[in-house]
Every structure is written in structure tokens, then in C-alpha cells.
Protein backbone atom coordinates (compact mmCIF):
# COMPACT_ATOMS: atom_id res chain seq x y z
CA MET A 1 0.00 0.00 0.00
CA ALA A 2 2.73 2.42 0.93
CA ALA A 3 4.70 1.42 -2.20
CA ARG A 4 1.81 2.22 -4.47
CA SER A 5 1.32 5.59 -2.85
CA LEU A 6 5.04 6.46 -3.37
CA TRP A 7 4.88 5.43 -7.02
CA ALA A 8 1.78 7.57 -7.63
CA VAL A 9 3.48 10.58 -6.09
CA ARG A 10 6.56 10.12 -8.34
CA TRP A 11 4.41 9.79 -11.44
CA ARG A 12 2.53 12.97 -10.67
CA VAL A 13 5.77 14.86 -10.05
CA ARG A 14 7.11 13.71 -13.40
CA ARG A 15 3.96 14.85 -15.12
CA LEU A 16 4.25 18.24 -13.48
CA LEU A 17 7.91 18.58 -14.39
CA ALA A 18 7.44 17.43 -17.98
CA PRO A 19 5.68 20.65 -19.32
CA SER A 20 8.17 22.89 -17.57
CA ALA A 21 11.04 21.01 -19.16
CA ALA A 22 9.40 21.32 -22.55
CA SER A 23 8.82 25.01 -21.99
CA ASP A 24 12.41 25.34 -20.81
CA SER A 25 13.59 23.65 -23.97
CA ARG A 26 11.42 25.95 -26.00
CA VAL A 27 12.85 28.92 -24.13
CA TRP A 28 16.37 27.68 -24.79
CA LEU A 29 15.54 27.16 -28.48
CA TYR A 30 14.12 30.69 -28.70
CA LEU A 31 17.16 32.15 -27.03
CA PHE A 32 19.47 30.13 -29.28
CA SER A 33 17.62 31.20 -32.43
CA THR A 34 17.69 34.85 -31.29
CA ALA A 35 21.36 34.62 -30.54
CA THR A 36 21.91 32.99 -33.90
CA GLN A 37 20.01 35.76 -35.65
CA ARG A 38 21.98 38.39 -33.77
CA THR A 39 25.20 36.62 -34.63
CA ALA A 40 24.11 36.38 -38.27
CA GLY A 41 23.17 40.05 -38.21
CA GLU A 42 26.49 40.94 -36.68
CA ASP A 43 28.21 38.79 -39.27
CA CYS A 44 26.25 40.53 -42.01
CA SER A 45 27.01 43.91 -40.56
CA SER A 46 30.65 42.98 -40.27
CA GLU A 47 30.87 42.67 -44.09
CA GLU A 48 32.56 45.49 -46.07
CA PRO A 49 30.23 48.49 -46.17
CA PRO A 50 29.16 49.92 -49.52
CA GLU A 51 31.19 52.67 -51.03
CA GLU A 52 30.69 56.03 -49.38
CA LEU A 53 29.15 58.99 -51.22
CA GLY A 54 32.23 61.19 -50.72
CA PRO A 55 34.19 60.19 -53.84
CA SER A 56 31.12 60.33 -56.06
CA LEU A 57 30.24 63.83 -54.86
CA ALA A 58 33.84 64.96 -55.40
CA GLU A 59 33.77 63.48 -58.88
CA ARG A 60 30.53 65.27 -59.67
CA THR A 61 31.97 68.52 -58.36
CA LEU A 62 35.05 68.13 -60.54
CA ARG A 63 32.91 67.39 -63.56
CA LEU A 64 30.81 70.50 -62.94
CA LYS A 65 33.98 72.57 -62.55
CA ALA A 66 35.38 71.10 -65.77
CA VAL A 67 32.19 71.98 -67.65
CA LYS A 68 32.24 75.50 -66.22
CA LEU A 69 35.89 76.01 -67.13
CA GLU A 70 35.26 74.69 -70.63
CA LYS A 71 32.46 77.22 -71.10
CA GLU A 72 34.71 79.99 -69.81
CA VAL A 73 37.46 78.93 -72.23
CA GLN A 74 35.00 78.97 -75.12
CA ASP A 75 33.74 82.41 -74.06
CA LEU A 76 37.25 83.80 -73.75
CA THR A 77 38.21 82.29 -77.10
CA MET A 78 35.23 83.96 -78.78
CA ARG A 79 36.07 87.28 -77.14
CA TYR A 80 39.70 86.99 -78.22
CA GLN A 81 38.71 86.24 -81.80
CA ARG A 82 36.33 89.20 -81.83
CA ALA A 83 39.03 91.47 -80.38
CA VAL A 84 41.51 90.32 -83.03
CA ALA A 85 38.93 90.94 -85.76
CA ASP A 86 38.13 94.40 -84.36
CA CYS A 87 41.84 95.28 -84.20
CA GLU A 88 42.31 94.17 -87.77
CA ASN A 89 39.33 96.26 -88.90
CA ILE A 90 40.66 99.29 -87.01
CA ARG A 91 44.09 98.80 -88.58
CA ARG A 92 42.60 98.65 -92.06
CA ARG A 93 40.44 101.73 -91.46
CA THR A 94 43.41 103.62 -90.04
CA GLN A 95 45.58 102.66 -93.00
CA ARG A 96 42.81 103.76 -95.37
CA CYS A 97 42.48 107.08 -93.52
CA VAL A 98 46.24 107.65 -93.72
CA GLU A 99 46.22 106.95 -97.44
CA ASP A 100 43.24 109.27 -97.94
CA ALA A 101 45.01 111.95 -95.88
CA LYS A 102 48.07 111.68 -98.10
CA ILE A 103 45.97 111.99 -101.24
CA PHE A 104 43.32 114.47 -100.15
CA GLY A 105 45.20 116.29 -97.37
CA VAL A 106 45.96 119.19 -99.72
CA GLN A 107 42.37 119.40 -100.95
CA SER A 108 41.72 122.67 -99.13
CA LEU A 109 44.97 124.18 -100.40
CA CYS A 110 44.18 123.09 -103.94
CA LYS A 111 40.75 124.70 -103.68
CA ASP A 112 42.35 128.00 -102.68
CA LEU A 113 45.00 127.73 -105.38
CA VAL A 114 42.30 127.30 -108.00
CA GLU A 115 41.15 130.83 -107.21
CA VAL A 116 44.73 132.03 -107.64
CA ALA A 117 44.85 130.29 -111.00
CA ASP A 118 41.63 132.06 -112.02
CA ILE A 119 43.14 135.46 -111.21
CA LEU A 120 46.33 134.58 -113.09
CA GLU A 121 44.32 133.45 -116.11
CA LYS A 122 42.33 136.69 -116.17
CA THR A 123 45.54 138.71 -115.85
CA THR A 124 47.24 136.96 -118.75
CA GLY A 125 44.07 137.31 -120.76
CA CYS A 126 44.48 141.07 -120.73
CA ILE A 127 47.51 140.75 -122.98
CA SER A 128 46.86 139.72 -126.56
CA GLU A 129 48.51 140.19 -129.92
CA GLU A 130 45.58 142.31 -131.13
CA THR A 131 46.19 144.98 -128.51
CA GLU A 132 46.80 148.33 -130.20
CA PRO A 133 49.81 150.44 -129.20
CA ARG A 134 47.63 153.14 -127.69
CA ASP A 135 45.96 150.53 -125.45
CA GLN A 136 49.27 149.16 -124.04
CA LYS A 137 49.27 151.55 -121.10
CA LEU A 138 45.76 150.43 -120.12
CA THR A 139 46.78 146.83 -120.57
CA LEU A 140 49.81 147.24 -118.32
CA GLU A 141 47.64 148.84 -115.66
CA LYS A 142 45.26 145.86 -115.78
CA VAL A 143 48.20 143.45 -115.58
CA PHE A 144 49.60 145.31 -112.62
CA GLN A 145 46.25 145.24 -110.85
CA GLY A 146 45.89 141.54 -111.63
CA LEU A 147 49.37 140.72 -110.29
CA SER A 148 48.75 142.80 -107.15
CA LEU A 149 45.49 140.94 -106.60
CA LEU A 150 47.28 137.67 -107.26
CA GLU A 151 49.98 138.44 -104.70
CA ALA A 152 47.42 139.43 -102.07
CA LYS A 153 45.46 136.25 -102.72
CA LEU A 154 48.58 134.10 -102.42
CA LYS A 155 49.51 135.72 -99.12
CA SER A 156 45.99 135.08 -97.86
CA VAL A 157 46.16 131.41 -98.93
CA PHE A 158 49.59 130.98 -97.31
CA ALA A 159 48.43 132.57 -94.05
CA LYS A 160 45.28 130.41 -94.03
CA HIS A 161 47.33 127.21 -94.27
CA GLY A 162 50.06 128.25 -91.83
CA LEU A 163 52.71 129.04 -94.43
CA GLU A 164 54.67 132.19 -93.59
CA LYS A 165 57.59 133.90 -95.26
CA ILE A 166 60.97 134.13 -93.53
CA THR A 167 62.39 137.68 -93.60
CA PRO A 168 65.75 137.24 -91.91
CA ILE A 169 67.47 140.56 -92.84
CA GLY A 170 69.33 141.77 -89.78
CA ASP A 171 68.86 138.48 -87.96
CA LYS A 172 71.74 136.33 -86.81
CA TYR A 173 72.67 133.58 -89.21
CA ASP A 174 70.91 130.30 -88.36
CA PRO A 175 71.82 127.20 -90.41
CA HIS A 176 68.41 125.67 -89.56
CA GLU A 177 66.62 128.51 -91.35
CA HIS A 178 69.20 130.03 -93.72
CA GLU A 179 71.26 128.72 -96.60
CA LEU A 180 74.52 130.62 -96.75
CA ILE A 181 75.50 131.77 -100.24
CA CYS A 182 78.49 133.92 -99.39
CA HIS A 183 79.99 136.37 -96.91
CA VAL A 184 79.91 140.08 -97.68
CA PRO A 185 81.77 142.93 -95.99
CA ALA A 186 79.82 144.27 -93.07
CA GLY A 187 78.41 147.72 -93.78
CA VAL A 188 77.86 150.59 -91.40
CA GLY A 189 75.72 149.49 -88.49
CA VAL A 190 75.73 145.84 -89.63
CA GLN A 191 77.05 143.30 -87.17
CA PRO A 192 79.24 140.48 -88.50
CA GLY A 193 77.45 137.16 -88.60
CA THR A 194 74.08 138.71 -89.42
CA VAL A 195 72.06 138.39 -92.63
CA ALA A 196 72.91 141.27 -94.94
CA LEU A 197 70.96 140.27 -98.06
CA VAL A 198 68.26 137.76 -98.97
CA LYS A 199 68.58 136.22 -102.42
CA GLN A 200 65.59 133.89 -102.07
CA ASP A 201 62.87 133.99 -99.43
CA GLY A 202 62.40 131.07 -97.11
CA TYR A 203 59.12 129.71 -95.71
CA LYS A 204 57.88 128.03 -92.55
CA LEU A 205 54.90 125.75 -92.31
CA HIS A 206 53.32 125.90 -88.85
CA GLY A 207 56.64 126.95 -87.34
CA ARG A 208 58.71 124.30 -89.13
CA THR A 209 61.12 125.37 -91.84
CA ASN A 210 59.71 124.37 -95.21
CA ARG A 211 62.35 126.05 -97.36
CA LEU A 212 65.62 127.62 -96.30
CA ALA A 213 66.18 131.24 -97.12
CA ARG A 214 69.21 131.81 -99.35
CA VAL A 215 71.13 134.63 -97.75
CA GLU A 216 74.40 136.56 -97.77
CA VAL A 217 75.94 137.03 -94.33
CA ALA A 218 78.00 139.99 -93.21
CA GLY A 219 81.58 139.06 -92.39
CA GLU A 220 85.12 140.33 -92.20
CA SER A 221 85.89 139.36 -95.77
CA HIS A 222 84.00 138.73 -98.97
CA ARG A 223 84.07 135.00 -99.58
CA ARG A 224 82.19 133.00 -102.22
CA LEU A 225 81.23 129.42 -101.49
């Protein structure tokens, strides 16, 4: 009787312990699977990470800079070509203006000289072979008036264009303005080395000697060159 009671108690204890053992095994399986997943996750995370975005961003930045610089180079090249073309056009226009100035620079002077030629033509027209002897005096008077008018007109044209006559009598000899023909004895009141006589007038154009005046200079002795 006592043995049966002891066996029944053991059987009940086993039945009570059996579910807890199963649950414990399940708990241990759950923990093992979780640990395995964590380990697998750690193993996965321990693999080499993907490439970072830094190099790709730097590459994109460099490409953008390269494109920008290429556009700037193209712009500067176009500007340079335009500047070269403009300089060439300016050079050609300047050369054309210089050539025109050489050809037509005396246009105003020629226009004034045409009037002088008209006066000279009218003056010479007063003299003809059919002029009678009694009309010669009148003819000479007309010629004289025409030549006086011609001289006045020439002086006006010269003054208008900056051409002035050099009158060096009494001035000191200057080789930049005078062409020495000879030395003559110095007269009363004439200083040696000064211009005593002008054989041919000289001219200056805007203050620059255009033609030397041919002169005789007073000296100690008369000397021909």
C-alpha cells in the first residue's frame, strides 16, 4: 500500500515537471535562435560596407567645374577672336584714312590755289597780240592790278594754311633757317654774322622750316662758297 502511494506521487511529479522542461527547452531554443540571428546580423554587418558617397560627390563637383571652365574657355576664345577681328578692322580703317590723308590732305589748299589760277588766267588774258599800241598803257595797268590781286590772294592762302615767309634781314645767321651763299663785308651798323641780303625767301609751315632762305651774311671778308 505504501509502495503504491510512493509510485503515484513520483508519477505525478514527473507529469508536473514534464511541461516545464518542454517550456524550458522551447525557451532555450528561442534564445538560441535569437542569438543565432543576432550573430548572423552581426556577421552581415561585419561585411565590407558599400562605397561612401564622398568620392562620387567629389567626382561630380570636378565634372561641374570642368564643364564650367570649358564654357569659360569657349567664351574667352570667342572674345579673343572678336578682339583680333576688331583690331584688324581698325588697322585697315586707319591705314585707309592715312592713305586718304596723303591723297586728299591738300584738298583745301588746292581749292584756294584754284582761285589764284583764275586770277592769273584773267591777268594773262588782258595781254593779246591784237592789242593796239595806244591801249598798251591800259593793258599794263590791268596786268599790274591783276598781279597785285594775285599776290594778295597768295599771301591770304599761305596765311590760311600756316605758311609764312621768312624775312631774316638783320637776324643772326641760323643754319636751320638760312642757306649761306656767301659772306659780304659788313656795312655801317651791320654786325658780323648777321644776314645782310636775302637772295631767295624762305618759308615756314606751322613753325617748321619748309624752305631755307638763301642769304648773304655779313663778315670780315667777302668769300664766295
